[in-house]
Amino acid sequence: MVIRAMVRGVYLRFVLHDGRQTMVATTDRIVKLLKSGKVEEAETALREAPADALGSNERKLYTAMILEREGKWAQAAQTYQQILKEEPDCLQAAFRLAYLADLRGDDETAIELYETVTEGSPAHVNALLNLAVLYEDHSRYEESLACLQRVLDEYPNHERARLFRRDVVASLDMYYDEERERSREERSAILERPISDFELSVRSRNCLKQMNIHTLGDLLKATAAELLSYKNFGETSLHEIETMLAQEGLRIGQLLEESEQELSSFSLPPGMDPAQAGILNRSVAELELSVRARKCLMRLGINTIAELTQRTESELLSIKNFGMTSLAEIKRRLAELGLGFKNI
């Protein structure tokens, strides 16, 4: 006989055997393995779990979480959607799907799902915090404050919620250079335009897809030599793409050139060994920043750690909805690498 119970959102199963209760915490083990980055071990634990240890949707849920950890976001999202069709009140699947939508920049879907997750009680802290960030990004400050207040009502000493709340309150009175912000947003929109928006030959489109070049921003980071080095990509395709970019006032490798210009005046931080300078060329994605911080850096067109260290604190704080919480987060990450922001 199997008795099923939920403890802090984790399903546990108690198996009655020979008059004794034996707790089989299969899901707890899988979650711990995933949190510690042991994806293969989590996959093995899920595969070897007894048939009565997990329900059908629970098995799908942890399969999706493993897919997510492996970077297979589309497959993970599809699995979460399947779970929600069969079990609409599965909050864990709704939260993970919201988070994936949030990362993709699909704010509308993310907000809708986060709102669903946060309807009940007790408060789903992570969902409320993420929803507060999205509300603030869309200038829905009162709703953002309401989310943060719900967290603080249940957890008065929640440091992150208190810092976020202070940032939102500051946003209500903060002055922004609207023209400068509009220019940034327009540039970001251009860089995020998918290649599929443009009329290219089948060969060119297929080659770019296989090279993981999906947006104009990706294309502007590539060089002509890199494109020509790819199998079946020839001078005809190169000319076609150069013509397409020229019509938009752009050129191949433009972002690389701009980055090189910024770095031409760059000097290594005091005490940094030139042999360690390779760290500066790493992507800011490796800093594993929060969604809000990443979005703000995208608005500034910051792609590498070197580009980030060439910015001042004031420049970052001038970005809409970029507050002291995000600044402190980035400073901490840079400090771990022995780096910091540019001093005026």
C-alpha atoms as a PDB file:
ATOM      1  CA  MET A   1       0.000   0.000   0.000  1.00  0.00           C
ATOM      2  CA  VAL A   2       1.312   3.457  -0.939  1.00  0.00           C
ATOM      3  CA  ILE A   3       0.404   6.622   0.954  1.00  0.00           C
ATOM      4  CA  ARG A   4       1.136   9.910  -0.829  1.00  0.00           C
ATOM      5  CA  ALA A   5       1.734  13.224   0.956  1.00  0.00           C
ATOM      6  CA  MET A   6       3.058  16.662   0.081  1.00  0.00           C
ATOM      7  CA  VAL A   7       5.638  18.385   2.274  1.00  0.00           C
ATOM      8  CA  ARG A   8       6.794  21.878   1.244  1.00  0.00           C
ATOM      9  CA  GLY A   9       5.797  21.267  -2.361  1.00  0.00           C
ATOM     10  CA  VAL A  10       7.674  17.953  -2.618  1.00  0.00           C
ATOM     11  CA  TYR A  11       5.765  14.711  -2.997  1.00  0.00           C
ATOM     12  CA  LEU A  12       6.896  11.944  -0.680  1.00  0.00           C
ATOM     13  CA  ARG A  13       5.692   8.355  -0.677  1.00  0.00           C
ATOM     14  CA  PHE A  14       5.343   6.119   2.336  1.00  0.00           C
ATOM     15  CA  VAL A  15       5.348   2.433   1.501  1.00  0.00           C
ATOM     16  CA  LEU A  16       3.771   0.049   4.028  1.00  0.00           C
ATOM     17  CA  HIS A  17       5.766  -3.131   4.061  1.00  0.00           C
ATOM     18  CA  ASP A  18       5.560  -5.878   6.713  1.00  0.00           C
ATOM     19  CA  GLY A  19       3.881  -3.445   9.098  1.00  0.00           C
ATOM     20  CA  ARG A  20       6.655  -0.878   8.855  1.00  0.00           C
ATOM     21  CA  GLN A  21       6.674   2.517   7.173  1.00  0.00           C
ATOM     22  CA  THR A  22       9.585   3.159   4.842  1.00  0.00           C
ATOM     23  CA  MET A  23       9.846   6.658   3.373  1.00  0.00           C
ATOM     24  CA  VAL A  24      10.897   6.681  -0.246  1.00  0.00           C
ATOM     25  CA  ALA A  25      11.942  10.281  -0.967  1.00  0.00           C
ATOM     26  CA  THR A  26      12.613   9.814  -4.671  1.00  0.00           C
ATOM     27  CA  THR A  27      11.706  13.347  -5.675  1.00  0.00           C
ATOM     28  CA  ASP A  28      13.721  14.834  -2.838  1.00  0.00           C
ATOM     29  CA  ARG A  29      16.811  12.987  -4.051  1.00  0.00           C
ATOM     30  CA  ILE A  30      16.332  14.103  -7.667  1.00  0.00           C
ATOM     31  CA  VAL A  31      15.907  17.741  -6.609  1.00  0.00           C
ATOM     32  CA  LYS A  32      19.074  17.622  -4.486  1.00  0.00           C
ATOM     33  CA  LEU A  33      21.071  16.121  -7.350  1.00  0.00           C
ATOM     34  CA  LEU A  34      19.832  18.800  -9.758  1.00  0.00           C
ATOM     35  CA  LYS A  35      20.624  21.612  -7.322  1.00  0.00           C
ATOM     36  CA  SER A  36      24.160  20.291  -6.938  1.00  0.00           C
ATOM     37  CA  GLY A  37      24.584  20.129 -10.723  1.00  0.00           C
ATOM     38  CA  LYS A  38      24.675  16.322 -10.895  1.00  0.00           C
ATOM     39  CA  VAL A  39      22.354  16.112 -13.888  1.00  0.00           C
ATOM     40  CA  GLU A  40      23.430  12.673 -15.085  1.00  0.00           C
ATOM     41  CA  GLU A  41      22.951  11.202 -11.602  1.00  0.00           C
ATOM     42  CA  ALA A  42      19.511  12.828 -11.385  1.00  0.00           C
ATOM     43  CA  GLU A  43      18.620  11.326 -14.760  1.00  0.00           C
ATOM     44  CA  THR A  44      19.744   7.900 -13.554  1.00  0.00           C
ATOM     45  CA  ALA A  45      17.765   8.251 -10.310  1.00  0.00           C
ATOM     46  CA  LEU A  46      14.651   9.149 -12.282  1.00  0.00           C
ATOM     47  CA  ARG A  47      15.104   6.295 -14.722  1.00  0.00           C
ATOM     48  CA  GLU A  48      15.649   3.753 -11.918  1.00  0.00           C
ATOM     49  CA  ALA A  49      12.790   5.035  -9.734  1.00  0.00           C
ATOM     50  CA  PRO A  50      10.193   2.282  -9.048  1.00  0.00           C
ATOM     51  CA  ALA A  51       6.951   2.562 -10.976  1.00  0.00           C
ATOM     52  CA  ASP A  52       4.977   3.318  -7.794  1.00  0.00           C
ATOM     53  CA  ALA A  53       7.463   5.931  -6.557  1.00  0.00           C
ATOM     54  CA  LEU A  54       6.341   8.611  -9.015  1.00  0.00           C
ATOM     55  CA  GLY A  55       3.084   9.462 -10.732  1.00  0.00           C
ATOM     56  CA  SER A  56       2.955  10.021 -14.491  1.00  0.00           C
ATOM     57  CA  ASN A  57       3.015  13.827 -14.272  1.00  0.00           C
ATOM     58  CA  GLU A  58       5.636  13.813 -11.516  1.00  0.00           C
ATOM     59  CA  ARG A  59       7.898  11.771 -13.768  1.00  0.00           C
ATOM     60  CA  LYS A  60       7.278  14.249 -16.611  1.00  0.00           C
ATOM     61  CA  LEU A  61       7.989  17.158 -14.256  1.00  0.00           C
ATOM     62  CA  TYR A  62      11.431  15.900 -13.275  1.00  0.00           C
ATOM     63  CA  THR A  63      12.174  14.881 -16.855  1.00  0.00           C
ATOM     64  CA  ALA A  64      11.483  18.505 -17.865  1.00  0.00           C
ATOM     65  CA  MET A  65      13.686  19.827 -15.048  1.00  0.00           C
ATOM     66  CA  ILE A  66      16.534  17.632 -16.278  1.00  0.00           C
ATOM     67  CA  LEU A  67      16.001  18.828 -19.859  1.00  0.00           C
ATOM     68  CA  GLU A  68      16.108  22.404 -18.574  1.00  0.00           C
ATOM     69  CA  ARG A  69      19.422  21.778 -16.816  1.00  0.00           C
ATOM     70  CA  GLU A  70      20.803  20.313 -20.035  1.00  0.00           C
ATOM     71  CA  GLY A  71      19.909  23.511 -21.885  1.00  0.00           C
ATOM     72  CA  LYS A  72      17.121  21.865 -23.886  1.00  0.00           C
ATOM     73  CA  TRP A  73      14.685  24.667 -23.077  1.00  0.00           C
ATOM     74  CA  ALA A  74      12.249  24.079 -25.945  1.00  0.00           C
ATOM     75  CA  GLN A  75      11.792  20.418 -25.000  1.00  0.00           C
ATOM     76  CA  ALA A  76      11.472  21.306 -21.329  1.00  0.00           C
ATOM     77  CA  ALA A  77       8.819  23.951 -22.068  1.00  0.00           C
ATOM     78  CA  GLN A  78       6.869  21.510 -24.216  1.00  0.00           C
ATOM     79  CA  THR A  79       6.867  18.956 -21.386  1.00  0.00           C
ATOM     80  CA  TYR A  80       5.717  21.535 -18.823  1.00  0.00           C
ATOM     81  CA  GLN A  81       2.880  22.475 -21.185  1.00  0.00           C
ATOM     82  CA  GLN A  82       1.830  18.836 -21.445  1.00  0.00           C
ATOM     83  CA  ILE A  83       1.721  18.574 -17.653  1.00  0.00           C
ATOM     84  CA  LEU A  84      -0.427  21.707 -17.345  1.00  0.00           C
ATOM     85  CA  LYS A  85      -2.900  20.379 -19.920  1.00  0.00           C
ATOM     86  CA  GLU A  86      -3.432  17.296 -17.773  1.00  0.00           C
ATOM     87  CA  GLU A  87      -3.020  18.993 -14.392  1.00  0.00           C
ATOM     88  CA  PRO A  88      -3.733  22.769 -14.624  1.00  0.00           C
ATOM     89  CA  ASP A  89      -3.055  23.318 -10.906  1.00  0.00           C
ATOM     90  CA  CYS A  90       0.515  21.960 -11.020  1.00  0.00           C
ATOM     91  CA  LEU A  91       2.192  25.113  -9.738  1.00  0.00           C
ATOM     92  CA  GLN A  92       5.711  23.776 -10.062  1.00  0.00           C
ATOM     93  CA  ALA A  93       5.275  23.173 -13.799  1.00  0.00           C
ATOM     94  CA  ALA A  94       3.636  26.598 -14.208  1.00  0.00           C
ATOM     95  CA  PHE A  95       6.517  28.300 -12.382  1.00  0.00           C
ATOM     96  CA  ARG A  96       9.214  26.566 -14.449  1.00  0.00           C
ATOM     97  CA  LEU A  97       7.352  27.393 -17.678  1.00  0.00           C
ATOM     98  CA  ALA A  98       7.021  31.028 -16.562  1.00  0.00           C
ATOM     99  CA  TYR A  99      10.739  31.174 -15.815  1.00  0.00           C
ATOM    100  CA  LEU A 100      11.621  29.841 -19.276  1.00  0.00           C
ATOM    101  CA  ALA A 101       9.298  32.396 -20.898  1.00  0.00           C
ATOM    102  CA  ASP A 102      10.938  35.081 -18.767  1.00  0.00           C
ATOM    103  CA  LEU A 103      14.400  34.089 -20.011  1.00  0.00           C
ATOM    104  CA  ARG A 104      13.209  34.175 -23.636  1.00  0.00           C
ATOM    105  CA  GLY A 105      11.850  37.691 -23.157  1.00  0.00           C
ATOM    106  CA  ASP A 106       8.233  36.568 -23.569  1.00  0.00           C
ATOM    107  CA  ASP A 107       7.045  38.874 -20.795  1.00  0.00           C
ATOM    108  CA  GLU A 108       3.338  38.519 -21.553  1.00  0.00           C
ATOM    109  CA  THR A 109       3.360  34.731 -21.116  1.00  0.00           C
ATOM    110  CA  ALA A 110       5.676  34.920 -18.109  1.00  0.00           C
ATOM    111  CA  ILE A 111       3.454  37.451 -16.326  1.00  0.00           C
ATOM    112  CA  GLU A 112       0.317  35.403 -16.976  1.00  0.00           C
ATOM    113  CA  LEU A 113       1.903  32.234 -15.597  1.00  0.00           C
ATOM    114  CA  TYR A 114       3.528  33.943 -12.597  1.00  0.00           C
ATOM    115  CA  GLU A 115       0.161  35.493 -11.737  1.00  0.00           C
ATOM    116  CA  THR A 116      -1.387  32.023 -11.743  1.00  0.00           C
ATOM    117  CA  VAL A 117       1.335  30.665  -9.478  1.00  0.00           C
ATOM    118  CA  THR A 118       0.988  33.533  -6.991  1.00  0.00           C
ATOM    119  CA  GLU A 119      -2.798  33.375  -6.615  1.00  0.00           C
ATOM    120  CA  GLY A 120      -2.767  30.985  -3.664  1.00  0.00           C
ATOM    121  CA  SER A 121      -1.290  30.969  -0.195  1.00  0.00           C
ATOM    122  CA  PRO A 122       1.324  30.643   1.221  1.00  0.00           C
ATOM    123  CA  ALA A 123       3.267  33.021  -0.965  1.00  0.00           C
ATOM    124  CA  HIS A 124       5.431  31.507  -3.715  1.00  0.00           C
ATOM    125  CA  VAL A 125       8.405  33.757  -2.984  1.00  0.00           C
ATOM    126  CA  ASN A 126      10.414  33.247  -6.192  1.00  0.00           C
ATOM    127  CA  ALA A 127       7.350  33.707  -8.381  1.00  0.00           C
ATOM    128  CA  LEU A 128       6.406  36.913  -6.548  1.00  0.00           C
ATOM    129  CA  LEU A 129       9.924  38.324  -6.840  1.00  0.00           C
ATOM    130  CA  ASN A 130      10.155  37.523 -10.567  1.00  0.00           C
ATOM    131  CA  LEU A 131       6.678  38.925 -11.160  1.00  0.00           C
ATOM    132  CA  ALA A 132       7.636  42.102  -9.291  1.00  0.00           C
ATOM    133  CA  VAL A 133      10.612  42.565 -11.640  1.00  0.00           C
ATOM    134  CA  LEU A 134       8.425  42.124 -14.723  1.00  0.00           C
ATOM    135  CA  TYR A 135       5.790  44.502 -13.406  1.00  0.00           C
ATOM    136  CA  GLU A 136       8.478  47.121 -12.798  1.00  0.00           C
ATOM    137  CA  ASP A 137       9.917  46.587 -16.289  1.00  0.00           C
ATOM    138  CA  HIS A 138       6.463  47.487 -17.628  1.00  0.00           C
ATOM    139  CA  SER A 139       6.121  50.493 -15.276  1.00  0.00           C
ATOM    140  CA  ARG A 140       3.406  48.752 -13.235  1.00  0.00           C
ATOM    141  CA  TYR A 141       4.994  49.965 -10.021  1.00  0.00           C
ATOM    142  CA  GLU A 142       2.020  49.608  -7.686  1.00  0.00           C
ATOM    143  CA  GLU A 143       1.549  45.970  -8.673  1.00  0.00           C
ATOM    144  CA  SER A 144       5.265  45.386  -8.265  1.00  0.00           C
ATOM    145  CA  LEU A 145       5.182  46.836  -4.761  1.00  0.00           C
ATOM    146  CA  ALA A 146       2.145  44.688  -3.920  1.00  0.00           C
ATOM    147  CA  CYS A 147       4.082  41.524  -4.855  1.00  0.00           C
ATOM    148  CA  LEU A 148       7.030  42.513  -2.716  1.00  0.00           C
ATOM    149  CA  GLN A 149       4.761  43.431   0.184  1.00  0.00           C
ATOM    150  CA  ARG A 150       3.201  39.965   0.091  1.00  0.00           C
ATOM    151  CA  VAL A 151       6.670  38.449   0.474  1.00  0.00           C
ATOM    152  CA  LEU A 152       7.519  40.805   3.343  1.00  0.00           C
ATOM    153  CA  ASP A 153       4.193  40.134   5.070  1.00  0.00           C
ATOM    154  CA  GLU A 154       5.174  36.476   5.415  1.00  0.00           C
ATOM    155  CA  TYR A 155       8.939  36.944   5.650  1.00  0.00           C
ATOM    156  CA  PRO A 156       9.604  40.390   7.203  1.00  0.00           C
ATOM    157  CA  ASN A 157      13.380  39.906   7.109  1.00  0.00           C
ATOM    158  CA  HIS A 158      13.602  38.814   3.470  1.00  0.00           C
ATOM    159  CA  GLU A 159      16.659  40.840   2.395  1.00  0.00           C
ATOM    160  CA  ARG A 160      16.177  40.548  -1.362  1.00  0.00           C
ATOM    161  CA  ALA A 161      12.529  41.613  -1.185  1.00  0.00           C
ATOM    162  CA  ARG A 162      13.441  44.633   0.961  1.00  0.00           C
ATOM    163  CA  LEU A 163      16.142  45.726  -1.483  1.00  0.00           C
ATOM    164  CA  PHE A 164      13.838  45.250  -4.478  1.00  0.00           C
ATOM    165  CA  ARG A 165      11.136  47.245  -2.751  1.00  0.00           C
ATOM    166  CA  ARG A 166      13.551  50.116  -2.174  1.00  0.00           C
ATOM    167  CA  ASP A 167      14.511  50.061  -5.865  1.00  0.00           C
ATOM    168  CA  VAL A 168      10.885  50.134  -7.003  1.00  0.00           C
ATOM    169  CA  VAL A 169      10.093  53.055  -4.706  1.00  0.00           C
ATOM    170  CA  ALA A 170      13.140  54.881  -6.106  1.00  0.00           C
ATOM    171  CA  SER A 171      11.912  54.173  -9.652  1.00  0.00           C
ATOM    172  CA  LEU A 172       8.754  56.157  -8.947  1.00  0.00           C
ATOM    173  CA  ASP A 173      10.783  59.360  -8.636  1.00  0.00           C
ATOM    174  CA  MET A 174      13.791  58.551 -10.805  1.00  0.00           C
ATOM    175  CA  TYR A 175      14.494  60.738 -13.821  1.00  0.00           C
ATOM    176  CA  TYR A 176      15.391  59.018 -17.075  1.00  0.00           C
ATOM    177  CA  ASP A 177      16.768  60.425 -20.276  1.00  0.00           C
ATOM    178  CA  GLU A 178      13.829  59.273 -22.403  1.00  0.00           C
ATOM    179  CA  GLU A 179      15.558  59.964 -25.712  1.00  0.00           C
ATOM    180  CA  ARG A 180      18.627  58.009 -24.670  1.00  0.00           C
ATOM    181  CA  GLU A 181      16.481  55.147 -23.366  1.00  0.00           C
ATOM    182  CA  ARG A 182      14.432  55.109 -26.570  1.00  0.00           C
ATOM    183  CA  SER A 183      17.627  54.930 -28.614  1.00  0.00           C
ATOM    184  CA  ARG A 184      18.824  51.970 -26.559  1.00  0.00           C
ATOM    185  CA  GLU A 185      15.520  50.168 -26.918  1.00  0.00           C
ATOM    186  CA  GLU A 186      15.483  50.729 -30.680  1.00  0.00           C
ATOM    187  CA  ARG A 187      19.010  49.350 -30.989  1.00  0.00           C
ATOM    188  CA  SER A 188      18.114  46.348 -28.851  1.00  0.00           C
ATOM    189  CA  ALA A 189      15.021  45.703 -30.997  1.00  0.00           C
ATOM    190  CA  ILE A 190      17.161  45.791 -34.150  1.00  0.00           C
ATOM    191  CA  LEU A 191      19.728  43.360 -32.758  1.00  0.00           C
ATOM    192  CA  GLU A 192      17.015  40.961 -31.631  1.00  0.00           C
ATOM    193  CA  ARG A 193      15.288  40.807 -35.040  1.00  0.00           C
ATOM    194  CA  PRO A 194      15.265  37.196 -36.248  1.00  0.00           C
ATOM    195  CA  ILE A 195      17.051  36.312 -39.465  1.00  0.00           C
ATOM    196  CA  SER A 196      13.788  34.751 -40.650  1.00  0.00           C
ATOM    197  CA  ASP A 197      12.386  38.296 -41.057  1.00  0.00           C
ATOM    198  CA  PHE A 198      14.646  38.835 -44.076  1.00  0.00           C
ATOM    199  CA  GLU A 199      14.382  37.415 -47.574  1.00  0.00           C
ATOM    200  CA  LEU A 200      17.438  35.206 -47.916  1.00  0.00           C
ATOM    201  CA  SER A 201      18.012  32.148 -50.064  1.00  0.00           C
ATOM    202  CA  VAL A 202      17.328  28.730 -48.586  1.00  0.00           C
ATOM    203  CA  ARG A 203      21.056  27.933 -48.601  1.00  0.00           C
ATOM    204  CA  SER A 204      21.984  31.095 -46.707  1.00  0.00           C
ATOM    205  CA  ARG A 205      19.216  30.598 -44.147  1.00  0.00           C
ATOM    206  CA  ASN A 206      20.155  26.968 -43.561  1.00  0.00           C
ATOM    207  CA  CYS A 207      23.850  27.769 -43.174  1.00  0.00           C
ATOM    208  CA  LEU A 208      23.160  30.554 -40.659  1.00  0.00           C
ATOM    209  CA  LYS A 209      20.820  28.282 -38.718  1.00  0.00           C
ATOM    210  CA  GLN A 210      23.451  25.540 -38.519  1.00  0.00           C
ATOM    211  CA  MET A 211      25.971  28.117 -37.276  1.00  0.00           C
ATOM    212  CA  ASN A 212      23.505  29.093 -34.477  1.00  0.00           C
ATOM    213  CA  ILE A 213      23.072  32.557 -36.004  1.00  0.00           C
ATOM    214  CA  HIS A 214      19.418  33.382 -35.373  1.00  0.00           C
ATOM    215  CA  THR A 215      19.289  37.178 -34.980  1.00  0.00           C
ATOM    216  CA  LEU A 216      20.884  40.268 -36.508  1.00  0.00           C
ATOM    217  CA  GLY A 217      22.910  40.625 -33.307  1.00  0.00           C
ATOM    218  CA  ASP A 218      24.360  37.143 -33.820  1.00  0.00           C
ATOM    219  CA  LEU A 219      25.251  38.018 -37.420  1.00  0.00           C
ATOM    220  CA  LEU A 220      26.943  41.287 -36.444  1.00  0.00           C
ATOM    221  CA  LYS A 221      29.230  39.342 -34.104  1.00  0.00           C
ATOM    222  CA  ALA A 222      30.479  37.096 -36.921  1.00  0.00           C
ATOM    223  CA  THR A 223      33.263  37.885 -39.377  1.00  0.00           C
ATOM    224  CA  ALA A 224      33.253  37.289 -43.131  1.00  0.00           C
ATOM    225  CA  ALA A 225      36.090  34.768 -42.683  1.00  0.00           C
ATOM    226  CA  GLU A 226      34.068  32.791 -40.130  1.00  0.00           C
ATOM    227  CA  LEU A 227      31.069  32.646 -42.432  1.00  0.00           C
ATOM    228  CA  LEU A 228      33.122  31.609 -45.457  1.00  0.00           C
ATOM    229  CA  SER A 229      34.835  28.865 -43.458  1.00  0.00           C
ATOM    230  CA  TYR A 230      31.512  27.081 -43.045  1.00  0.00           C
ATOM    231  CA  LYS A 231      30.705  24.202 -45.376  1.00  0.00           C
ATOM    232  CA  ASN A 232      28.497  25.186 -48.369  1.00  0.00           C
ATOM    233  CA  PHE A 233      28.678  28.892 -47.462  1.00  0.00           C
ATOM    234  CA  GLY A 234      30.265  30.679 -50.409  1.00  0.00           C
ATOM    235  CA  GLU A 235      30.877  34.135 -51.825  1.00  0.00           C
ATOM    236  CA  THR A 236      27.336  34.267 -53.240  1.00  0.00           C
ATOM    237  CA  SER A 237      25.772  33.812 -49.807  1.00  0.00           C
ATOM    238  CA  LEU A 238      28.223  36.303 -48.292  1.00  0.00           C
ATOM    239  CA  HIS A 239      27.341  38.944 -50.868  1.00  0.00           C
ATOM    240  CA  GLU A 240      23.638  38.297 -50.345  1.00  0.00           C
ATOM    241  CA  ILE A 241      23.953  38.843 -46.586  1.00  0.00           C
ATOM    242  CA  GLU A 242      26.188  41.912 -46.966  1.00  0.00           C
ATOM    243  CA  THR A 243      23.569  43.462 -49.288  1.00  0.00           C
ATOM    244  CA  MET A 244      20.772  42.672 -46.834  1.00  0.00           C
ATOM    245  CA  LEU A 245      22.696  44.249 -43.936  1.00  0.00           C
ATOM    246  CA  ALA A 246      23.655  47.308 -45.990  1.00  0.00           C
ATOM    247  CA  GLN A 247      19.964  48.006 -46.562  1.00  0.00           C
ATOM    248  CA  GLU A 248      19.617  48.205 -42.771  1.00  0.00           C
ATOM    249  CA  GLY A 249      22.709  50.395 -42.405  1.00  0.00           C
ATOM    250  CA  LEU A 250      24.658  47.524 -40.868  1.00  0.00           C
ATOM    251  CA  ARG A 251      27.664  45.358 -41.771  1.00  0.00           C
ATOM    252  CA  ILE A 252      29.100  41.969 -40.913  1.00  0.00           C
ATOM    253  CA  GLY A 253      31.290  42.040 -37.810  1.00  0.00           C
ATOM    254  CA  GLN A 254      30.029  45.469 -36.737  1.00  0.00           C
ATOM    255  CA  LEU A 255      29.572  44.537 -33.090  1.00  0.00           C
ATOM    256  CA  LEU A 256      33.051  43.020 -32.985  1.00  0.00           C
ATOM    257  CA  GLU A 257      34.533  46.244 -34.369  1.00  0.00           C
ATOM    258  CA  GLU A 258      32.676  48.344 -31.811  1.00  0.00           C
ATOM    259  CA  SER A 259      33.885  46.049 -29.050  1.00  0.00           C
ATOM    260  CA  GLU A 260      37.491  46.310 -30.265  1.00  0.00           C
ATOM    261  CA  GLN A 261      37.240  50.109 -30.303  1.00  0.00           C
ATOM    262  CA  GLU A 262      36.057  50.110 -26.700  1.00  0.00           C
ATOM    263  CA  LEU A 263      38.867  47.760 -25.685  1.00  0.00           C
ATOM    264  CA  SER A 264      41.580  49.666 -27.552  1.00  0.00           C
ATOM    265  CA  SER A 265      41.849  52.089 -24.635  1.00  0.00           C
ATOM    266  CA  PHE A 266      41.350  49.361 -22.069  1.00  0.00           C
ATOM    267  CA  SER A 267      44.059  48.778 -19.493  1.00  0.00           C
ATOM    268  CA  LEU A 268      44.310  45.753 -17.256  1.00  0.00           C
ATOM    269  CA  PRO A 269      43.277  46.262 -13.618  1.00  0.00           C
ATOM    270  CA  PRO A 270      46.239  46.877 -11.294  1.00  0.00           C
ATOM    271  CA  GLY A 271      47.834  43.628 -10.261  1.00  0.00           C
ATOM    272  CA  MET A 272      46.207  41.517 -12.977  1.00  0.00           C
ATOM    273  CA  ASP A 273      48.607  39.222 -14.767  1.00  0.00           C
ATOM    274  CA  PRO A 274      48.336  39.681 -18.571  1.00  0.00           C
ATOM    275  CA  ALA A 275      48.105  35.885 -18.782  1.00  0.00           C
ATOM    276  CA  GLN A 276      44.798  36.132 -16.922  1.00  0.00           C
ATOM    277  CA  ALA A 277      43.388  38.683 -19.350  1.00  0.00           C
ATOM    278  CA  GLY A 278      41.448  35.959 -21.156  1.00  0.00           C
ATOM    279  CA  ILE A 279      38.820  36.251 -18.452  1.00  0.00           C
ATOM    280  CA  LEU A 280      37.865  39.663 -19.862  1.00  0.00           C
ATOM    281  CA  ASN A 281      36.784  38.129 -23.153  1.00  0.00           C
ATOM    282  CA  ARG A 282      34.301  35.814 -21.474  1.00  0.00           C
ATOM    283  CA  SER A 283      30.585  36.417 -21.962  1.00  0.00           C
ATOM    284  CA  VAL A 284      28.636  38.186 -19.216  1.00  0.00           C
ATOM    285  CA  ALA A 285      26.311  35.157 -19.361  1.00  0.00           C
ATOM    286  CA  GLU A 286      29.000  33.287 -17.422  1.00  0.00           C
ATOM    287  CA  LEU A 287      28.406  35.602 -14.465  1.00  0.00           C
ATOM    288  CA  GLU A 288      25.026  33.847 -13.986  1.00  0.00           C
ATOM    289  CA  LEU A 289      23.192  37.076 -13.198  1.00  0.00           C
ATOM    290  CA  SER A 290      19.516  37.470 -12.378  1.00  0.00           C
ATOM    291  CA  VAL A 291      16.996  37.979 -15.178  1.00  0.00           C
ATOM    292  CA  ARG A 292      16.673  41.682 -14.384  1.00  0.00           C
ATOM    293  CA  ALA A 293      20.432  42.326 -14.439  1.00  0.00           C
ATOM    294  CA  ARG A 294      20.844  40.419 -17.715  1.00  0.00           C
ATOM    295  CA  LYS A 295      18.046  42.386 -19.388  1.00  0.00           C
ATOM    296  CA  CYS A 296      19.610  45.682 -18.350  1.00  0.00           C
ATOM    297  CA  LEU A 297      23.014  44.675 -19.725  1.00  0.00           C
ATOM    298  CA  MET A 298      21.325  43.665 -22.984  1.00  0.00           C
ATOM    299  CA  ARG A 299      19.809  47.151 -23.237  1.00  0.00           C
ATOM    300  CA  LEU A 300      23.322  48.592 -22.991  1.00  0.00           C
ATOM    301  CA  GLY A 301      24.670  46.138 -25.575  1.00  0.00           C
ATOM    302  CA  ILE A 302      27.149  44.711 -23.066  1.00  0.00           C
ATOM    303  CA  ASN A 303      28.234  41.230 -24.132  1.00  0.00           C
ATOM    304  CA  THR A 304      31.616  40.615 -22.509  1.00  0.00           C
ATOM    305  CA  ILE A 305      33.078  41.067 -19.045  1.00  0.00           C
ATOM    306  CA  ALA A 306      35.613  43.522 -20.477  1.00  0.00           C
ATOM    307  CA  GLU A 307      32.794  45.705 -21.835  1.00  0.00           C
ATOM    308  CA  LEU A 308      31.109  45.584 -18.442  1.00  0.00           C
ATOM    309  CA  THR A 309      34.244  46.732 -16.596  1.00  0.00           C
ATOM    310  CA  GLN A 310      34.449  49.746 -18.929  1.00  0.00           C
ATOM    311  CA  ARG A 311      31.129  51.067 -17.600  1.00  0.00           C
ATOM    312  CA  THR A 312      30.688  53.248 -14.556  1.00  0.00           C
ATOM    313  CA  GLU A 313      28.168  52.680 -11.792  1.00  0.00           C
ATOM    314  CA  SER A 314      26.355  55.852 -12.897  1.00  0.00           C
ATOM    315  CA  GLU A 315      25.945  54.534 -16.461  1.00  0.00           C
ATOM    316  CA  LEU A 316      24.338  51.349 -15.198  1.00  0.00           C
ATOM    317  CA  LEU A 317      22.090  53.163 -12.746  1.00  0.00           C
ATOM    318  CA  SER A 318      20.880  55.397 -15.580  1.00  0.00           C
ATOM    319  CA  ILE A 319      19.211  52.370 -17.207  1.00  0.00           C
ATOM    320  CA  LYS A 320      15.485  52.139 -16.588  1.00  0.00           C
ATOM    321  CA  ASN A 321      14.630  49.829 -13.687  1.00  0.00           C
ATOM    322  CA  PHE A 322      18.290  49.107 -12.938  1.00  0.00           C
ATOM    323  CA  GLY A 323      18.578  49.650  -9.196  1.00  0.00           C
ATOM    324  CA  MET A 324      21.016  49.176  -6.338  1.00  0.00           C
ATOM    325  CA  THR A 325      20.073  45.501  -6.022  1.00  0.00           C
ATOM    326  CA  SER A 326      21.268  44.695  -9.548  1.00  0.00           C
ATOM    327  CA  LEU A 327      24.312  46.934  -9.127  1.00  0.00           C
ATOM    328  CA  ALA A 328      25.317  45.152  -5.916  1.00  0.00           C
ATOM    329  CA  GLU A 329      24.805  41.766  -7.605  1.00  0.00           C
ATOM    330  CA  ILE A 330      27.081  42.632 -10.534  1.00  0.00           C
ATOM    331  CA  LYS A 331      29.708  44.237  -8.301  1.00  0.00           C
ATOM    332  CA  ARG A 332      29.814  41.062  -6.232  1.00  0.00           C
ATOM    333  CA  ARG A 333      30.264  38.870  -9.316  1.00  0.00           C
ATOM    334  CA  LEU A 334      33.036  41.095 -10.675  1.00  0.00           C
ATOM    335  CA  ALA A 335      34.774  41.216  -7.291  1.00  0.00           C
ATOM    336  CA  GLU A 336      34.913  37.422  -7.283  1.00  0.00           C
ATOM    337  CA  LEU A 337      37.031  37.746 -10.450  1.00  0.00           C
ATOM    338  CA  GLY A 338      39.171  40.520  -9.002  1.00  0.00           C
ATOM    339  CA  LEU A 339      37.467  43.108 -11.230  1.00  0.00           C
ATOM    340  CA  GLY A 340      35.299  46.175 -10.803  1.00  0.00           C
ATOM    341  CA  PHE A 341      33.623  49.027 -12.648  1.00  0.00           C
ATOM    342  CA  LYS A 342      35.425  51.872 -14.364  1.00  0.00           C
ATOM    343  CA  ASN A 343      36.262  54.831 -12.139  1.00  0.00           C
ATOM    344  CA  ILE A 344      35.679  58.336 -13.440  1.00  0.00           C
END
